[in-house]
Amino acid sequence: METVQNQTPKNTKSLPIGWLVCIAGEKLAKYLSLLCPVEDYRERESISWGLDELLGDARLIFEPKSAKMTFLPGEGRSDMELNHQKVDEAVELVHRDILSAGDESYQFIAFCDEVHQWDPWNEEAGHEDM
């Protein structure tokens, strides 16, 4: 599994997968866009983002074919919570879940889920120039 950078080069077409929005704490209202280059979305079984700047060595892993997002809390923090419940192992995230560590909380906003999924393989959907 390779890490996809949170920032993609300007001339690379990227698909938004979702966002992590700070809803409490020092970084209130800041957000992390979870973007994926189109080619990675087409070719990879999973896409991973490091959350070092937000939640220690935690990671998010997205599986394009199933549109599932998984949160891995990492080992750097012992105060991780998902929806106010302690979490110390991999867990699936769904739209509007809240991740907390210390005084900071982040809400996960899903753009790829059971309601919407990108289909860059479907030329009829208008993605042929991607």
Protein backbone atom coordinates (compact mmCIF):
# COMPACT_ATOMS: atom_id res chain seq x y z
CA MET A 1 0.00 0.00 0.00
CA GLU A 2 1.38 3.42 -0.94
CA THR A 3 0.58 6.73 0.68
CA VAL A 4 -1.14 9.28 -1.52
CA GLN A 5 0.00 12.78 -0.65
CA ASN A 6 -2.66 15.08 0.75
CA GLN A 7 -1.56 17.68 -1.81
CA THR A 8 -1.48 16.59 -5.44
CA PRO A 9 0.45 18.44 -8.17
CA LYS A 10 -1.50 21.27 -9.84
CA ASN A 11 -1.69 19.62 -13.25
CA THR A 12 -2.87 16.27 -11.84
CA LYS A 13 -6.59 15.60 -12.00
CA SER A 14 -7.82 14.50 -8.61
CA LEU A 15 -11.07 13.18 -7.25
CA PRO A 16 -12.34 14.33 -3.86
CA ILE A 17 -12.96 11.33 -1.61
CA GLY A 18 -13.96 13.34 1.46
CA TRP A 19 -12.77 15.78 4.11
CA LEU A 20 -11.70 15.83 7.75
CA VAL A 21 -12.96 19.07 9.31
CA CYS A 22 -11.76 20.28 12.72
CA ILE A 23 -14.88 20.96 14.79
CA ALA A 24 -13.18 21.55 18.16
CA GLY A 25 -9.72 22.53 19.32
CA GLU A 26 -6.84 24.71 18.26
CA LYS A 27 -7.33 24.00 14.53
CA LEU A 28 -11.08 24.80 14.56
CA ALA A 29 -12.54 25.15 11.04
CA LYS A 30 -9.39 23.93 9.29
CA TYR A 31 -9.85 20.92 7.06
CA LEU A 32 -7.93 18.27 5.23
CA SER A 33 -9.10 17.46 1.71
CA LEU A 34 -8.83 13.75 0.99
CA LEU A 35 -7.92 13.80 -2.70
CA CYS A 36 -6.91 10.99 -4.96
CA PRO A 37 -5.27 11.30 -8.38
CA VAL A 38 -7.56 9.76 -11.00
CA GLU A 39 -4.95 7.21 -12.07
CA ASP A 40 -4.49 6.01 -8.48
CA TYR A 41 -8.25 5.66 -8.09
CA ARG A 42 -8.39 3.50 -11.21
CA GLU A 43 -5.38 1.32 -10.46
CA ARG A 44 -5.12 0.79 -6.71
CA GLU A 45 -6.99 -1.56 -4.42
CA SER A 46 -6.55 0.94 -1.58
CA ILE A 47 -5.39 4.51 -1.05
CA SER A 48 -3.82 5.69 2.19
CA TRP A 49 -3.42 9.11 3.81
CA GLY A 50 -1.15 9.83 6.77
CA LEU A 51 -2.67 12.06 9.45
CA ASP A 52 0.61 13.02 11.13
CA GLU A 53 -0.23 16.72 11.38
CA LEU A 54 -3.67 16.04 12.87
CA LEU A 55 -3.77 12.78 14.78
CA GLY A 56 -0.24 11.48 15.31
CA ASP A 57 0.63 8.43 13.23
CA ALA A 58 -3.01 7.61 12.44
CA ARG A 59 -4.00 6.77 8.86
CA LEU A 60 -7.07 6.66 6.66
CA ILE A 61 -7.39 3.90 4.07
CA PHE A 62 -9.94 4.09 1.26
CA GLU A 63 -10.93 1.15 -0.96
CA PRO A 64 -12.32 2.53 -4.26
CA LYS A 65 -14.17 -0.62 -5.35
CA SER A 66 -16.17 -0.89 -2.11
CA ALA A 67 -16.13 2.86 -1.27
CA LYS A 68 -15.15 2.03 2.33
CA MET A 69 -12.99 4.27 4.49
CA THR A 70 -11.04 2.72 7.37
CA PHE A 71 -9.40 4.58 10.25
CA LEU A 72 -6.19 3.15 11.74
CA PRO A 73 -5.43 4.91 15.04
CA GLY A 74 -1.70 4.20 14.99
CA GLU A 75 0.42 3.72 18.07
CA GLY A 76 1.41 7.30 18.83
CA ARG A 77 -1.69 8.24 20.85
CA SER A 78 -3.65 6.40 23.49
CA ASP A 79 -6.51 8.91 23.64
CA MET A 80 -8.14 8.23 20.25
CA GLU A 81 -11.93 8.18 20.17
CA LEU A 82 -14.49 7.53 17.47
CA ASN A 83 -17.89 9.02 18.30
CA HIS A 84 -16.86 9.34 21.99
CA GLN A 85 -15.79 5.68 22.25
CA LYS A 86 -12.13 4.72 22.72
CA VAL A 87 -10.68 3.17 19.59
CA ASP A 88 -7.41 1.24 19.43
CA GLU A 89 -7.86 -0.86 16.30
CA ALA A 90 -8.92 -0.41 12.69
CA VAL A 91 -12.52 0.72 12.30
CA GLU A 92 -14.70 1.68 9.33
CA LEU A 93 -15.64 5.35 9.11
CA VAL A 94 -18.98 6.54 7.83
CA HIS A 95 -20.25 10.00 6.92
CA ARG A 96 -20.26 12.41 9.89
CA ASP A 97 -18.25 10.19 12.24
CA ILE A 98 -16.21 12.18 14.77
CA LEU A 99 -12.56 11.38 15.51
CA SER A 100 -11.13 12.91 18.69
CA ALA A 101 -7.72 13.02 20.34
CA GLY A 102 -7.07 15.25 23.32
CA ASP A 103 -8.86 18.58 22.88
CA GLU A 104 -9.27 18.27 19.12
CA SER A 105 -12.14 16.70 17.21
CA TYR A 106 -12.52 16.13 13.48
CA GLN A 107 -15.67 15.27 11.59
CA PHE A 108 -15.35 12.96 8.59
CA ILE A 109 -17.35 14.15 5.58
CA ALA A 110 -17.61 11.35 3.03
CA PHE A 111 -17.95 12.08 -0.66
CA CYS A 112 -17.49 8.47 -1.74
CA ASP A 113 -19.86 6.12 0.02
CA GLU A 114 -22.99 4.09 -0.71
CA VAL A 115 -24.68 7.25 -2.07
CA HIS A 116 -21.94 8.50 -4.42
CA GLN A 117 -18.92 6.81 -5.97
CA TRP A 118 -16.62 8.02 -8.71
CA ASP A 119 -16.69 5.92 -11.84
CA PRO A 120 -13.67 7.06 -13.85
CA TRP A 121 -13.86 3.89 -15.95
CA ASN A 122 -17.23 4.83 -17.44
CA GLU A 123 -16.69 7.00 -20.53
CA GLU A 124 -20.44 7.59 -20.81
CA ALA A 125 -20.30 9.34 -17.44
CA GLY A 126 -18.19 12.09 -19.01
CA HIS A 127 -14.84 11.14 -17.49
CA GLU A 128 -13.09 10.24 -20.75
CA ASP A 129 -10.78 13.27 -20.50
CA MET A 130 -9.55 12.27 -17.05
